Amino acid sequence: MKWLYIPAGIVLLIKFLILPNPIVDTPDLAIVETVVRESGVPNAVSAIIFRNRLYDTVFEVIVFTIAIMGAHFLLANERPFCTIYQFTDQPSIVLARLGATIAAIVGIELAIRGHLSPGGGFAAGVAGGTAIGLVAITSASEWMESIYQRWHAATWEKISVLVFIVLAALTLIGLELPHGELGALLSGGIVPILNILVAIKVTLGSWAVILVFIRYRGLL
């Protein structure tokens, strides 16, 4: 039956090249304006991620959680790496920590204002994880591990996931907070809260993965 794949692929290619894509004729409908009006947030991307496609976003968060668990599981039986490779020269350390400070500030900004301007929870989490990674390559791994344990980062990561799923479920069944004034910091109903929860989850999850790879690989 494999010989059928080539004709089928050719037919599909002809379809893509010749047949036009169907276009919905909606001249009076401004999709972006509708999304902004219904969600109460100027950032239509955040509105779509955390409202119109919230069901998908829930499973994206779950997939990220499973990936972190998988990293722990796959490396659990390996012997910890003896040599940890880090920056040792002072200029590199200063630049890395300066970059970590900037990334952390940007991450906070993206988390709390992601519903008003370009940004959001996932971008904020990436910035937060970058900040932690830059600190990790300039600091002792034991110190990073002790802070992670002292602040119960693993527990807070799990709590953020559970709270996100609960709030998302309430939103999916139609329960929403008041939208407030469009463009204000305290607006958008549940969207800003979901943004912050995702930022916490991605940041703490990235921290966990960084520690695992430092412990078992000696490299980020």
N, C-alpha and C. Protein backbone atom coordinates (compact mmCIF):
# COMPACT_ATOMS: atom_id res chain seq x y z
N MET A 1 0.82 -1.22 0.00
CA MET A 1 0.00 0.00 0.00
C MET A 1 0.85 1.27 0.00
N LYS A 2 2.16 1.12 0.17
CA LYS A 2 2.98 2.32 0.26
C LYS A 2 3.00 3.08 -1.06
N TRP A 3 2.78 2.38 -2.19
CA TRP A 3 2.82 3.07 -3.48
C TRP A 3 1.69 4.08 -3.62
N LEU A 4 0.66 3.98 -2.78
CA LEU A 4 -0.45 4.94 -2.81
C LEU A 4 -0.08 6.28 -2.20
N TYR A 5 0.99 6.29 -1.38
CA TYR A 5 1.35 7.54 -0.69
C TYR A 5 1.80 8.62 -1.67
N ILE A 6 2.57 8.22 -2.71
CA ILE A 6 3.07 9.22 -3.66
C ILE A 6 1.93 9.88 -4.45
N PRO A 7 0.99 9.11 -5.07
CA PRO A 7 -0.13 9.78 -5.77
C PRO A 7 -0.98 10.63 -4.82
N ALA A 8 -1.18 10.11 -3.61
CA ALA A 8 -1.99 10.88 -2.66
C ALA A 8 -1.30 12.19 -2.31
N GLY A 9 0.04 12.15 -2.13
CA GLY A 9 0.77 13.38 -1.84
C GLY A 9 0.72 14.36 -2.99
N ILE A 10 0.81 13.85 -4.23
CA ILE A 10 0.75 14.73 -5.40
C ILE A 10 -0.62 15.40 -5.51
N VAL A 11 -1.68 14.61 -5.29
CA VAL A 11 -3.05 15.16 -5.34
C VAL A 11 -3.22 16.23 -4.28
N LEU A 12 -2.70 15.98 -3.08
CA LEU A 12 -2.83 16.95 -1.99
C LEU A 12 -2.06 18.22 -2.32
N LEU A 13 -0.88 18.09 -2.93
CA LEU A 13 -0.10 19.26 -3.31
C LEU A 13 -0.83 20.08 -4.36
N ILE A 14 -1.45 19.40 -5.34
CA ILE A 14 -2.22 20.12 -6.37
C ILE A 14 -3.38 20.88 -5.74
N LYS A 15 -4.00 20.24 -4.77
CA LYS A 15 -5.11 20.90 -4.07
C LYS A 15 -4.63 22.18 -3.40
N PHE A 16 -3.46 22.13 -2.73
CA PHE A 16 -2.94 23.31 -2.05
C PHE A 16 -2.59 24.43 -3.04
N LEU A 17 -2.07 24.03 -4.23
CA LEU A 17 -1.61 25.03 -5.18
C LEU A 17 -2.72 25.63 -6.03
N ILE A 18 -3.74 24.84 -6.33
CA ILE A 18 -4.75 25.28 -7.29
C ILE A 18 -6.03 25.77 -6.61
N LEU A 19 -6.57 24.94 -5.74
CA LEU A 19 -7.85 25.30 -5.14
C LEU A 19 -7.68 26.43 -4.14
N PRO A 20 -8.53 27.44 -4.18
CA PRO A 20 -8.41 28.57 -3.24
C PRO A 20 -8.87 28.16 -1.84
N ASN A 21 -8.31 28.86 -0.86
CA ASN A 21 -8.75 28.64 0.51
C ASN A 21 -10.08 29.33 0.75
N PRO A 22 -11.00 28.68 1.44
CA PRO A 22 -12.28 29.34 1.72
C PRO A 22 -12.10 30.53 2.65
N ILE A 23 -12.73 31.63 2.29
CA ILE A 23 -12.64 32.85 3.10
C ILE A 23 -14.04 33.22 3.56
N VAL A 24 -14.17 33.43 4.86
CA VAL A 24 -15.45 33.81 5.41
C VAL A 24 -15.69 35.28 5.12
N ASP A 25 -16.82 35.56 4.48
CA ASP A 25 -17.15 36.94 4.12
C ASP A 25 -17.88 37.60 5.28
N THR A 26 -17.11 38.30 6.12
CA THR A 26 -17.70 38.99 7.27
C THR A 26 -17.21 40.44 7.29
N PRO A 27 -17.67 41.26 6.35
CA PRO A 27 -17.16 42.63 6.27
C PRO A 27 -17.51 43.48 7.48
N ASP A 28 -18.61 43.16 8.17
CA ASP A 28 -19.04 43.99 9.28
C ASP A 28 -18.52 43.48 10.62
N LEU A 29 -17.71 42.44 10.61
CA LEU A 29 -17.25 41.84 11.85
C LEU A 29 -15.75 42.05 12.01
N ALA A 30 -15.38 42.84 12.98
CA ALA A 30 -13.97 43.05 13.31
C ALA A 30 -13.62 42.07 14.43
N ILE A 31 -12.90 41.02 14.08
CA ILE A 31 -12.67 39.94 15.03
C ILE A 31 -11.88 40.42 16.24
N VAL A 32 -10.83 41.20 16.00
CA VAL A 32 -10.00 41.66 17.11
C VAL A 32 -10.81 42.55 18.05
N GLU A 33 -11.59 43.46 17.48
CA GLU A 33 -12.40 44.34 18.31
C GLU A 33 -13.43 43.55 19.12
N THR A 34 -13.96 42.50 18.52
CA THR A 34 -14.93 41.65 19.24
C THR A 34 -14.26 40.94 20.40
N VAL A 35 -13.05 40.40 20.18
CA VAL A 35 -12.33 39.71 21.24
C VAL A 35 -12.01 40.66 22.38
N VAL A 36 -11.56 41.87 22.05
CA VAL A 36 -11.23 42.86 23.07
C VAL A 36 -12.47 43.26 23.86
N ARG A 37 -13.56 43.47 23.17
CA ARG A 37 -14.79 43.90 23.84
C ARG A 37 -15.33 42.82 24.76
N GLU A 38 -15.30 41.56 24.32
CA GLU A 38 -15.85 40.48 25.12
C GLU A 38 -14.96 40.09 26.30
N SER A 39 -13.66 40.28 26.16
CA SER A 39 -12.73 39.89 27.23
C SER A 39 -12.42 41.03 28.18
N GLY A 40 -12.47 42.27 27.69
CA GLY A 40 -12.15 43.41 28.54
C GLY A 40 -10.67 43.68 28.67
N VAL A 41 -9.83 43.10 27.78
CA VAL A 41 -8.39 43.35 27.82
C VAL A 41 -7.93 43.83 26.45
N PRO A 42 -7.05 44.86 26.39
CA PRO A 42 -6.58 45.36 25.09
C PRO A 42 -5.71 44.37 24.33
N ASN A 43 -5.00 43.50 25.05
CA ASN A 43 -4.14 42.52 24.39
C ASN A 43 -4.99 41.35 23.92
N ALA A 44 -5.33 41.36 22.64
CA ALA A 44 -6.22 40.32 22.11
C ALA A 44 -5.58 38.94 22.17
N VAL A 45 -4.24 38.88 22.11
CA VAL A 45 -3.57 37.58 22.18
C VAL A 45 -3.81 36.92 23.53
N SER A 46 -3.63 37.70 24.62
CA SER A 46 -3.91 37.16 25.95
C SER A 46 -5.38 36.78 26.10
N ALA A 47 -6.25 37.58 25.51
CA ALA A 47 -7.68 37.26 25.58
C ALA A 47 -7.99 35.93 24.91
N ILE A 48 -7.36 35.68 23.77
CA ILE A 48 -7.61 34.43 23.05
C ILE A 48 -7.03 33.25 23.83
N ILE A 49 -5.80 33.42 24.35
CA ILE A 49 -5.14 32.31 25.05
C ILE A 49 -5.88 31.94 26.33
N PHE A 50 -6.31 32.95 27.09
CA PHE A 50 -6.89 32.70 28.40
C PHE A 50 -8.42 32.79 28.43
N ARG A 51 -9.02 32.91 27.26
CA ARG A 51 -10.49 32.96 27.25
C ARG A 51 -11.05 32.16 26.08
N ASN A 52 -10.78 32.60 24.86
CA ASN A 52 -11.35 31.93 23.69
C ASN A 52 -10.78 30.53 23.50
N ARG A 53 -9.50 30.34 23.82
CA ARG A 53 -8.85 29.04 23.68
C ARG A 53 -8.32 28.55 25.02
N LEU A 54 -9.07 28.81 26.06
CA LEU A 54 -8.62 28.46 27.41
C LEU A 54 -8.48 26.96 27.60
N TYR A 55 -9.36 26.20 26.94
CA TYR A 55 -9.28 24.74 27.05
C TYR A 55 -7.92 24.24 26.57
N ASP A 56 -7.42 24.80 25.45
CA ASP A 56 -6.10 24.43 24.94
C ASP A 56 -5.01 24.83 25.92
N THR A 57 -5.14 26.03 26.50
CA THR A 57 -4.12 26.53 27.41
C THR A 57 -4.00 25.67 28.65
N VAL A 58 -5.12 25.17 29.14
CA VAL A 58 -5.08 24.28 30.31
C VAL A 58 -4.20 23.08 30.03
N PHE A 59 -4.37 22.48 28.87
CA PHE A 59 -3.58 21.29 28.55
C PHE A 59 -2.14 21.65 28.21
N GLU A 60 -1.88 22.86 27.74
CA GLU A 60 -0.49 23.28 27.54
C GLU A 60 0.23 23.36 28.89
N VAL A 61 -0.44 23.87 29.90
CA VAL A 61 0.14 23.93 31.24
C VAL A 61 0.37 22.51 31.77
N ILE A 62 -0.59 21.62 31.53
CA ILE A 62 -0.45 20.24 32.00
C ILE A 62 0.72 19.55 31.29
N VAL A 63 0.86 19.79 29.98
CA VAL A 63 1.97 19.19 29.22
C VAL A 63 3.31 19.68 29.76
N PHE A 64 3.40 20.97 30.09
CA PHE A 64 4.64 21.50 30.66
C PHE A 64 4.94 20.84 32.00
N THR A 65 3.90 20.62 32.80
CA THR A 65 4.09 19.94 34.08
C THR A 65 4.58 18.52 33.88
N ILE A 66 4.00 17.81 32.93
CA ILE A 66 4.43 16.44 32.65
C ILE A 66 5.88 16.40 32.15
N ALA A 67 6.27 17.40 31.37
CA ALA A 67 7.66 17.46 30.88
C ALA A 67 8.64 17.60 32.04
N ILE A 68 8.30 18.42 33.03
CA ILE A 68 9.16 18.58 34.20
C ILE A 68 9.24 17.28 34.98
N MET A 69 8.10 16.63 35.18
CA MET A 69 8.09 15.34 35.87
C MET A 69 8.91 14.31 35.09
N GLY A 70 8.84 14.36 33.76
CA GLY A 70 9.60 13.43 32.94
C GLY A 70 11.09 13.62 33.09
N ALA A 71 11.54 14.89 33.19
CA ALA A 71 12.97 15.14 33.38
C ALA A 71 13.45 14.55 34.70
N HIS A 72 12.65 14.72 35.76
CA HIS A 72 13.00 14.12 37.05
C HIS A 72 13.03 12.60 36.95
N PHE A 73 12.05 12.02 36.28
CA PHE A 73 11.93 10.57 36.21
C PHE A 73 13.07 9.94 35.41
N LEU A 74 13.39 10.54 34.26
CA LEU A 74 14.40 9.96 33.38
C LEU A 74 15.81 10.04 33.98
N LEU A 75 16.07 11.06 34.80
CA LEU A 75 17.41 11.23 35.34
C LEU A 75 17.54 10.75 36.78
N ALA A 76 16.45 10.24 37.34
CA ALA A 76 16.45 9.88 38.76
C ALA A 76 17.45 8.77 39.08
N ASN A 77 17.66 7.83 38.16
CA ASN A 77 18.53 6.69 38.43
C ASN A 77 19.98 6.93 38.02
N GLU A 78 20.27 8.12 37.52
CA GLU A 78 21.64 8.41 37.11
C GLU A 78 22.47 8.93 38.28
N ARG A 79 23.76 8.80 38.14
CA ARG A 79 24.68 9.27 39.17
C ARG A 79 24.91 10.77 38.99
N PRO A 80 24.83 11.54 40.07
CA PRO A 80 25.06 12.99 39.95
C PRO A 80 26.41 13.30 39.32
N PHE A 81 26.41 14.35 38.50
CA PHE A 81 27.63 14.73 37.79
C PHE A 81 28.62 15.33 38.77
N CYS A 82 29.89 15.00 38.62
CA CYS A 82 30.91 15.43 39.57
C CYS A 82 31.33 16.88 39.35
N THR A 83 31.46 17.27 38.07
CA THR A 83 31.97 18.60 37.75
C THR A 83 30.83 19.51 37.30
N ILE A 84 30.71 20.65 37.94
CA ILE A 84 29.70 21.64 37.57
C ILE A 84 30.41 22.77 36.83
N TYR A 85 30.01 23.00 35.58
CA TYR A 85 30.65 24.03 34.77
C TYR A 85 29.93 25.36 34.97
N GLN A 86 30.67 26.36 35.43
CA GLN A 86 30.11 27.67 35.70
C GLN A 86 31.08 28.76 35.29
N PHE A 87 30.56 29.99 35.23
CA PHE A 87 31.44 31.13 34.98
C PHE A 87 32.32 31.35 36.20
N THR A 88 33.59 31.61 35.95
CA THR A 88 34.52 31.87 37.04
C THR A 88 35.15 33.26 36.97
N ASP A 89 35.21 33.85 35.78
CA ASP A 89 35.80 35.18 35.67
C ASP A 89 34.80 36.24 36.10
N GLN A 90 35.28 37.25 36.78
CA GLN A 90 34.41 38.26 37.38
C GLN A 90 33.58 39.05 36.37
N PRO A 91 34.13 39.47 35.22
CA PRO A 91 33.29 40.20 34.25
C PRO A 91 32.08 39.39 33.79
N SER A 92 32.28 38.09 33.52
CA SER A 92 31.16 37.26 33.08
C SER A 92 30.12 37.12 34.19
N ILE A 93 30.57 36.99 35.42
CA ILE A 93 29.65 36.86 36.54
C ILE A 93 28.82 38.13 36.69
N VAL A 94 29.49 39.29 36.61
CA VAL A 94 28.77 40.57 36.75
C VAL A 94 27.74 40.73 35.63
N LEU A 95 28.13 40.44 34.39
CA LEU A 95 27.22 40.58 33.26
C LEU A 95 26.04 39.61 33.36
N ALA A 96 26.33 38.37 33.79
CA ALA A 96 25.25 37.38 33.92
C ALA A 96 24.25 37.79 34.98
N ARG A 97 24.74 38.28 36.10
CA ARG A 97 23.82 38.69 37.17
C ARG A 97 23.07 39.97 36.82
N LEU A 98 23.71 40.86 36.07
CA LEU A 98 23.00 42.03 35.56
C LEU A 98 21.89 41.60 34.61
N GLY A 99 22.21 40.67 33.72
CA GLY A 99 21.18 40.14 32.82
C GLY A 99 20.06 39.46 33.57
N ALA A 100 20.40 38.75 34.66
CA ALA A 100 19.38 38.08 35.46
C ALA A 100 18.44 39.10 36.10
N THR A 101 19.01 40.20 36.58
CA THR A 101 18.18 41.26 37.19
C THR A 101 17.23 41.86 36.17
N ILE A 102 17.75 42.14 34.98
CA ILE A 102 16.90 42.71 33.92
C ILE A 102 15.81 41.73 33.51
N ALA A 103 16.19 40.45 33.35
CA ALA A 103 15.20 39.44 32.95
C ALA A 103 14.12 39.27 34.01
N ALA A 104 14.50 39.32 35.29
CA ALA A 104 13.51 39.19 36.36
C ALA A 104 12.53 40.36 36.36
N ILE A 105 13.04 41.58 36.16
CA ILE A 105 12.17 42.76 36.12
C ILE A 105 11.23 42.68 34.92
N VAL A 106 11.78 42.28 33.77
CA VAL A 106 10.94 42.14 32.57
C VAL A 106 9.87 41.07 32.79
N GLY A 107 10.24 39.96 33.46
CA GLY A 107 9.28 38.90 33.73
C GLY A 107 8.12 39.38 34.59
N ILE A 108 8.43 40.16 35.63
CA ILE A 108 7.37 40.70 36.49
C ILE A 108 6.47 41.64 35.70
N GLU A 109 7.08 42.48 34.88
CA GLU A 109 6.30 43.41 34.05
C GLU A 109 5.38 42.66 33.09
N LEU A 110 5.89 41.63 32.44
CA LEU A 110 5.08 40.87 31.49
C LEU A 110 3.95 40.14 32.19
N ALA A 111 4.17 39.71 33.44
CA ALA A 111 3.15 38.97 34.16
C ALA A 111 1.99 39.86 34.59
N ILE A 112 2.31 41.04 35.16
CA ILE A 112 1.24 41.87 35.72
C ILE A 112 0.59 42.79 34.69
N ARG A 113 1.27 43.00 33.56
CA ARG A 113 0.70 43.88 32.52
C ARG A 113 0.53 43.16 31.19
N GLY A 114 0.60 41.84 31.20
CA GLY A 114 0.49 41.09 29.96
C GLY A 114 -0.88 41.19 29.29
N HIS A 115 -1.91 41.56 30.08
CA HIS A 115 -3.24 41.70 29.49
C HIS A 115 -3.45 43.08 28.88
N LEU A 116 -2.49 43.99 29.07
CA LEU A 116 -2.62 45.35 28.55
C LEU A 116 -1.70 45.61 27.35
N SER A 117 -0.58 44.92 27.32
CA SER A 117 0.41 45.14 26.27
C SER A 117 1.02 43.80 25.89
N PRO A 118 1.85 43.76 24.83
CA PRO A 118 2.47 42.48 24.45
C PRO A 118 3.19 41.82 25.63
N GLY A 119 2.91 40.56 25.82
CA GLY A 119 3.47 39.84 26.96
C GLY A 119 2.50 38.76 27.39
N GLY A 120 2.57 38.38 28.64
CA GLY A 120 1.68 37.35 29.15
C GLY A 120 2.41 36.37 30.03
N GLY A 121 1.68 35.38 30.53
CA GLY A 121 2.23 34.44 31.49
C GLY A 121 3.37 33.60 30.96
N PHE A 122 3.23 33.09 29.74
CA PHE A 122 4.27 32.22 29.19
C PHE A 122 5.55 33.01 28.93
N ALA A 123 5.42 34.20 28.36
CA ALA A 123 6.61 35.03 28.13
C ALA A 123 7.25 35.44 29.45
N ALA A 124 6.42 35.76 30.44
CA ALA A 124 6.95 36.13 31.76
C ALA A 124 7.68 34.96 32.39
N GLY A 125 7.13 33.75 32.24
CA GLY A 125 7.80 32.57 32.78
C GLY A 125 9.13 32.30 32.12
N VAL A 126 9.21 32.52 30.81
CA VAL A 126 10.48 32.35 30.10
C VAL A 126 11.51 33.35 30.61
N ALA A 127 11.08 34.60 30.82
CA ALA A 127 12.00 35.62 31.35
C ALA A 127 12.45 35.25 32.76
N GLY A 128 11.51 34.78 33.59
CA GLY A 128 11.87 34.37 34.94
C GLY A 128 12.82 33.18 34.95
N GLY A 129 12.57 32.19 34.09
CA GLY A 129 13.46 31.05 33.99
C GLY A 129 14.84 31.44 33.49
N THR A 130 14.89 32.42 32.58
CA THR A 130 16.18 32.91 32.10
C THR A 130 16.96 33.56 33.23
N ALA A 131 16.27 34.35 34.05
CA ALA A 131 16.93 34.98 35.19
C ALA A 131 17.52 33.94 36.14
N ILE A 132 16.74 32.91 36.43
CA ILE A 132 17.24 31.85 37.32
C ILE A 132 18.41 31.10 36.69
N GLY A 133 18.34 30.85 35.39
CA GLY A 133 19.44 30.18 34.71
C GLY A 133 20.73 30.99 34.75
N LEU A 134 20.62 32.31 34.58
CA LEU A 134 21.81 33.16 34.63
C LEU A 134 22.41 33.19 36.04
N VAL A 135 21.56 33.16 37.05
CA VAL A 135 22.06 33.10 38.42
C VAL A 135 22.71 31.74 38.68
N ALA A 136 22.13 30.68 38.12
CA ALA A 136 22.63 29.33 38.38
C ALA A 136 24.04 29.12 37.83
N ILE A 137 24.36 29.75 36.70
CA ILE A 137 25.68 29.54 36.11
C ILE A 137 26.74 30.44 36.72
N THR A 138 26.35 31.22 37.74
CA THR A 138 27.31 32.07 38.43
C THR A 138 27.33 31.80 39.93
N SER A 139 26.55 30.83 40.40
CA SER A 139 26.43 30.58 41.83
C SER A 139 26.63 29.10 42.12
N ALA A 140 26.87 28.80 43.39
CA ALA A 140 27.05 27.41 43.81
C ALA A 140 25.74 26.66 43.68
N SER A 141 25.80 25.44 43.16
CA SER A 141 24.59 24.65 42.97
C SER A 141 23.94 24.32 44.32
N GLU A 142 24.74 24.13 45.37
CA GLU A 142 24.18 23.85 46.70
C GLU A 142 23.36 25.02 47.20
N TRP A 143 23.83 26.24 46.90
CA TRP A 143 23.09 27.44 47.31
C TRP A 143 21.76 27.54 46.58
N MET A 144 21.78 27.28 45.28
CA MET A 144 20.54 27.30 44.49
C MET A 144 19.56 26.25 45.00
N GLU A 145 20.08 25.06 45.31
CA GLU A 145 19.23 23.98 45.81
C GLU A 145 18.64 24.33 47.17
N SER A 146 19.44 24.95 48.02
CA SER A 146 18.94 25.30 49.37
C SER A 146 17.84 26.35 49.30
N ILE A 147 17.98 27.32 48.42
CA ILE A 147 16.92 28.33 48.27
C ILE A 147 15.65 27.69 47.72
N TYR A 148 15.82 26.80 46.76
CA TYR A 148 14.66 26.10 46.19
C TYR A 148 13.91 25.33 47.26
N GLN A 149 14.64 24.67 48.14
CA GLN A 149 14.00 23.90 49.21
C GLN A 149 13.44 24.82 50.30
N ARG A 150 14.17 25.88 50.64
CA ARG A 150 13.75 26.76 51.73
C ARG A 150 12.43 27.45 51.43
N TRP A 151 12.25 27.88 50.19
CA TRP A 151 11.04 28.59 49.80
C TRP A 151 9.95 27.65 49.27
N HIS A 152 10.17 26.35 49.38
CA HIS A 152 9.18 25.35 48.97
C HIS A 152 8.68 25.62 47.55
N ALA A 153 9.63 25.85 46.65
CA ALA A 153 9.28 26.21 45.27
C ALA A 153 8.49 25.10 44.58
N ALA A 154 8.83 23.84 44.87
CA ALA A 154 8.10 22.73 44.25
C ALA A 154 6.63 22.73 44.66
N THR A 155 6.39 23.05 45.94
CA THR A 155 5.01 23.09 46.44
C THR A 155 4.24 24.23 45.78
N TRP A 156 4.87 25.40 45.70
CA TRP A 156 4.18 26.54 45.08
C TRP A 156 3.92 26.29 43.59
N GLU A 157 4.81 25.58 42.94
CA GLU A 157 4.58 25.23 41.54
C GLU A 157 3.32 24.38 41.39
N LYS A 158 3.18 23.39 42.24
CA LYS A 158 1.99 22.52 42.18
C LYS A 158 0.73 23.29 42.54
N ILE A 159 0.83 24.18 43.53
CA ILE A 159 -0.33 24.98 43.92
C ILE A 159 -0.77 25.88 42.77
N SER A 160 0.19 26.50 42.08
CA SER A 160 -0.16 27.39 40.96
C SER A 160 -0.88 26.63 39.86
N VAL A 161 -0.45 25.38 39.60
CA VAL A 161 -1.12 24.57 38.58
C VAL A 161 -2.55 24.25 39.00
N LEU A 162 -2.73 23.83 40.24
CA LEU A 162 -4.07 23.46 40.72
C LEU A 162 -5.01 24.66 40.72
N VAL A 163 -4.51 25.81 41.19
CA VAL A 163 -5.36 27.01 41.20
C VAL A 163 -5.70 27.42 39.77
N PHE A 164 -4.73 27.33 38.86
CA PHE A 164 -5.00 27.66 37.46
C PHE A 164 -6.09 26.78 36.89
N ILE A 165 -6.02 25.47 37.14
CA ILE A 165 -7.01 24.55 36.59
C ILE A 165 -8.38 24.84 37.17
N VAL A 166 -8.45 25.13 38.48
CA VAL A 166 -9.75 25.42 39.11
C VAL A 166 -10.36 26.69 38.52
N LEU A 167 -9.56 27.76 38.45
CA LEU A 167 -10.07 29.02 37.89
C LEU A 167 -10.45 28.87 36.42
N ALA A 168 -9.65 28.11 35.67
CA ALA A 168 -9.97 27.88 34.27
C ALA A 168 -11.28 27.12 34.13
N ALA A 169 -11.50 26.12 35.00
CA ALA A 169 -12.75 25.35 34.95
C ALA A 169 -13.94 26.25 35.25
N LEU A 170 -13.79 27.14 36.24
CA LEU A 170 -14.89 28.06 36.55
C LEU A 170 -15.18 29.00 35.38
N THR A 171 -14.11 29.43 34.71
CA THR A 171 -14.29 30.29 33.55
C THR A 171 -14.97 29.56 32.40
N LEU A 172 -14.59 28.30 32.20
CA LEU A 172 -15.16 27.53 31.10
C LEU A 172 -16.65 27.24 31.29
N ILE A 173 -17.10 27.19 32.55
CA ILE A 173 -18.53 26.96 32.78
C ILE A 173 -19.33 28.26 32.82
N GLY A 174 -18.63 29.40 32.59
CA GLY A 174 -19.35 30.66 32.45
C GLY A 174 -19.24 31.62 33.61
N LEU A 175 -18.47 31.30 34.64
CA LEU A 175 -18.31 32.20 35.79
C LEU A 175 -17.10 33.10 35.56
N GLU A 176 -17.33 34.41 35.49
CA GLU A 176 -16.24 35.34 35.23
C GLU A 176 -16.29 36.49 36.22
N LEU A 177 -15.12 37.07 36.48
CA LEU A 177 -15.04 38.26 37.31
C LEU A 177 -15.41 39.49 36.48
N PRO A 178 -15.80 40.59 37.13
CA PRO A 178 -16.09 41.82 36.37
C PRO A 178 -14.88 42.27 35.57
N HIS A 179 -15.11 42.76 34.37
CA HIS A 179 -14.01 43.15 33.50
C HIS A 179 -13.36 44.45 33.91
N GLY A 180 -14.08 45.33 34.58
CA GLY A 180 -13.51 46.60 34.97
C GLY A 180 -13.37 47.55 33.79
N GLU A 181 -12.55 48.59 33.98
CA GLU A 181 -12.35 49.60 32.93
C GLU A 181 -11.30 49.12 31.95
N LEU A 182 -11.62 49.14 30.68
CA LEU A 182 -10.70 48.69 29.65
C LEU A 182 -9.42 49.52 29.68
N GLY A 183 -8.28 48.86 29.76
CA GLY A 183 -6.99 49.54 29.77
C GLY A 183 -6.43 49.78 31.15
N ALA A 184 -7.24 49.57 32.20
CA ALA A 184 -6.75 49.75 33.56
C ALA A 184 -5.99 48.50 34.00
N LEU A 185 -5.09 48.66 34.98
CA LEU A 185 -4.30 47.53 35.45
C LEU A 185 -5.20 46.46 36.06
N LEU A 186 -6.17 46.89 36.87
CA LEU A 186 -7.11 45.95 37.47
C LEU A 186 -8.33 45.83 36.57
N SER A 187 -8.14 45.12 35.48
CA SER A 187 -9.23 44.92 34.52
C SER A 187 -9.03 43.56 33.87
N GLY A 188 -10.00 43.19 33.04
CA GLY A 188 -9.87 41.94 32.30
C GLY A 188 -10.39 40.72 33.02
N GLY A 189 -11.03 40.90 34.18
CA GLY A 189 -11.60 39.76 34.88
C GLY A 189 -10.54 38.78 35.34
N ILE A 190 -10.68 37.54 34.89
CA ILE A 190 -9.80 36.45 35.34
C ILE A 190 -8.50 36.39 34.56
N VAL A 191 -8.40 37.08 33.43
CA VAL A 191 -7.22 36.96 32.56
C VAL A 191 -5.92 37.35 33.27
N PRO A 192 -5.83 38.50 33.97
CA PRO A 192 -4.58 38.84 34.65
C PRO A 192 -4.16 37.81 35.69
N ILE A 193 -5.12 37.24 36.40
CA ILE A 193 -4.80 36.23 37.42
C ILE A 193 -4.23 34.98 36.75
N LEU A 194 -4.83 34.54 35.65
CA LEU A 194 -4.31 33.38 34.93
C LEU A 194 -2.91 33.67 34.38
N ASN A 195 -2.70 34.89 33.93
CA ASN A 195 -1.37 35.28 33.45
C ASN A 195 -0.32 35.09 34.54
N ILE A 196 -0.61 35.60 35.73
CA ILE A 196 0.34 35.52 36.84
C ILE A 196 0.57 34.08 37.26
N LEU A 197 -0.49 33.28 37.30
CA LEU A 197 -0.34 31.87 37.68
C LEU A 197 0.54 31.12 36.69
N VAL A 198 0.34 31.36 35.40
CA VAL A 198 1.17 30.71 34.39
C VAL A 198 2.62 31.16 34.52
N ALA A 199 2.83 32.46 34.79
CA ALA A 199 4.20 32.96 34.96
C ALA A 199 4.89 32.27 36.13
N ILE A 200 4.17 32.11 37.25
CA ILE A 200 4.75 31.42 38.41
C ILE A 200 5.07 29.98 38.07
N LYS A 201 4.13 29.33 37.41
CA LYS A 201 4.32 27.92 37.06
C LYS A 201 5.53 27.72 36.17
N VAL A 202 5.64 28.49 35.10
CA VAL A 202 6.73 28.32 34.14
C VAL A 202 8.07 28.68 34.78
N THR A 203 8.10 29.73 35.58
CA THR A 203 9.34 30.14 36.24
C THR A 203 9.83 29.07 37.20
N LEU A 204 8.95 28.60 38.10
CA LEU A 204 9.36 27.59 39.07
C LEU A 204 9.64 26.25 38.40
N GLY A 205 8.90 25.92 37.36
CA GLY A 205 9.18 24.70 36.62
C GLY A 205 10.53 24.75 35.93
N SER A 206 10.87 25.91 35.36
CA SER A 206 12.18 26.08 34.74
C SER A 206 13.28 25.95 35.78
N TRP A 207 13.04 26.49 36.97
CA TRP A 207 14.02 26.38 38.05
C TRP A 207 14.27 24.91 38.40
N ALA A 208 13.19 24.13 38.50
CA ALA A 208 13.33 22.71 38.82
C ALA A 208 14.14 21.98 37.76
N VAL A 209 13.87 22.26 36.48
CA VAL A 209 14.59 21.59 35.40
C VAL A 209 16.06 22.00 35.39
N ILE A 210 16.33 23.28 35.64
CA ILE A 210 17.72 23.75 35.69
C ILE A 210 18.50 23.01 36.77
N LEU A 211 17.90 22.87 37.95
CA LEU A 211 18.58 22.16 39.04
C LEU A 211 18.83 20.70 38.69
N VAL A 212 17.86 20.08 38.02
CA VAL A 212 18.02 18.67 37.65
C VAL A 212 19.19 18.50 36.67
N PHE A 213 19.26 19.35 35.66
CA PHE A 213 20.32 19.21 34.67
C PHE A 213 21.68 19.60 35.23
N ILE A 214 21.73 20.55 36.15
CA ILE A 214 22.99 20.85 36.80
C ILE A 214 23.47 19.66 37.62
N ARG A 215 22.54 19.03 38.34
CA ARG A 215 22.90 17.92 39.22
C ARG A 215 23.37 16.70 38.45
N TYR A 216 22.68 16.39 37.33
CA TYR A 216 22.97 15.14 36.63
C TYR A 216 23.75 15.31 35.34
N ARG A 217 23.91 16.55 34.87
CA ARG A 217 24.66 16.77 33.63
C ARG A 217 25.83 17.74 33.81
N GLY A 218 25.78 18.54 34.86
CA GLY A 218 26.84 19.50 35.07
C GLY A 218 26.77 20.70 34.13
N LEU A 219 25.75 20.71 33.27
CA LEU A 219 25.57 21.78 32.29
C LEU A 219 24.11 22.18 32.25
N LEU A 220 23.87 23.43 31.83
CA LEU A 220 22.49 23.86 31.60
C LEU A 220 22.05 23.43 30.23
